[in-house]
Amino acid sequence: MISNDNEKILTEREVCNWLGVSEPTLFRHRRDGTGPTFIQLSARRVGYRHSAVEAWLSQREQHSLLRSEADGRPRDPTRADSR
């Protein structure tokens, strides 16, 4: 699919293949509002702008596995009160 501003509109299957996730997983992200923004093309069909998926991936980039559950900030593993 191609949009009118020359940006590629990806199908669900294309996004799933790109991300390496199943269609039900992508659906859950869409339903829960945790996935990339999408375009409702018809009652039963959605598309994703390539740039929207890229932006979503950028937001999910991590620089460390050490994250506090409470606030999402990196924890100091040398502190006794860190879990």
Protein backbone atom coordinates (compact mmCIF):
# COMPACT_ATOMS: atom_id res chain seq x y z
CA MET A 1 0.00 0.00 0.00
CA ILE A 2 1.17 3.54 -0.71
CA SER A 3 -0.18 6.74 0.82
CA ASN A 4 -0.69 9.96 -1.10
CA ASP A 5 2.35 11.65 0.50
CA ASN A 6 4.68 8.93 -0.84
CA GLU A 7 5.20 7.38 2.60
CA LYS A 8 4.79 3.62 2.61
CA ILE A 9 1.72 2.32 4.42
CA LEU A 10 2.43 -1.14 5.75
CA THR A 11 -0.09 -3.94 6.19
CA GLU A 12 -0.45 -5.78 9.49
CA ARG A 13 1.42 -8.74 8.04
CA GLU A 14 4.29 -6.54 6.84
CA VAL A 15 4.62 -4.96 10.29
CA CYS A 16 4.48 -8.37 11.98
CA ASN A 17 7.18 -9.72 9.67
CA TRP A 18 9.34 -6.65 10.22
CA LEU A 19 9.00 -6.78 14.02
CA GLY A 20 9.04 -10.55 14.31
CA VAL A 21 5.75 -10.70 16.21
CA SER A 22 2.49 -12.52 15.54
CA GLU A 23 -0.66 -10.84 14.29
CA PRO A 24 -2.42 -11.48 17.63
CA THR A 25 0.45 -9.75 19.43
CA LEU A 26 0.22 -6.73 17.14
CA PHE A 27 -3.55 -6.71 17.67
CA ARG A 28 -3.07 -6.71 21.46
CA HIS A 29 -0.68 -3.77 21.17
CA ARG A 30 -3.26 -1.94 19.05
CA ARG A 31 -6.11 -2.79 21.43
CA ASP A 32 -4.14 -1.78 24.54
CA GLY A 33 -2.72 1.39 22.99
CA THR A 34 0.86 0.16 23.48
CA GLY A 35 1.81 -0.29 19.83
CA PRO A 36 2.58 2.03 16.96
CA THR A 37 -0.12 4.41 15.79
CA PHE A 38 -2.22 2.96 13.01
CA ILE A 39 -4.66 4.01 10.31
CA GLN A 40 -8.15 2.50 10.16
CA LEU A 41 -8.41 1.86 6.43
CA SER A 42 -11.80 0.15 6.58
CA ALA A 43 -13.98 -1.62 9.12
CA ARG A 44 -11.71 -4.69 9.04
CA ARG A 45 -8.38 -3.39 7.80
CA VAL A 46 -5.67 -1.25 9.37
CA GLY A 47 -2.37 0.07 8.08
CA TYR A 48 0.74 1.49 9.68
CA ARG A 49 2.87 4.37 8.43
CA HIS A 50 6.49 3.29 8.18
CA SER A 51 7.49 6.42 10.14
CA ALA A 52 5.01 5.60 12.94
CA VAL A 53 6.52 2.15 13.41
CA GLU A 54 10.03 3.65 13.35
CA ALA A 55 9.01 6.23 15.99
CA TRP A 56 7.45 3.52 18.18
CA LEU A 57 10.63 1.44 17.92
CA SER A 58 12.74 4.47 18.87
CA GLN A 59 10.60 5.05 21.98
CA ARG A 60 11.15 1.43 23.02
CA GLU A 61 14.94 1.54 22.75
CA GLN A 62 16.63 0.66 26.03
CA HIS A 63 20.12 1.54 27.17
CA SER A 64 20.12 -0.74 30.20
CA LEU A 65 18.22 -3.71 31.57
CA LEU A 66 18.32 -2.17 35.04
CA ARG A 67 15.05 -0.31 35.50
CA SER A 68 13.11 0.50 38.63
CA GLU A 69 9.63 -0.99 38.59
CA ALA A 70 8.21 2.06 40.36
CA ASP A 71 9.37 4.91 38.14
CA GLY A 72 11.14 3.37 35.16
CA ARG A 73 14.45 5.08 35.97
CA PRO A 74 17.70 3.14 36.01
CA ARG A 75 18.52 1.51 39.34
CA ASP A 76 21.90 1.51 41.01
CA PRO A 77 22.73 -2.19 41.54
CA THR A 78 25.39 -1.27 44.13
CA ARG A 79 22.83 0.22 46.53
CA ALA A 80 21.33 -2.08 49.13
CA ASP A 81 17.81 -0.67 48.67
CA SER A 82 17.83 -1.49 44.93
CA ARG A 83 16.10 -4.68 43.84
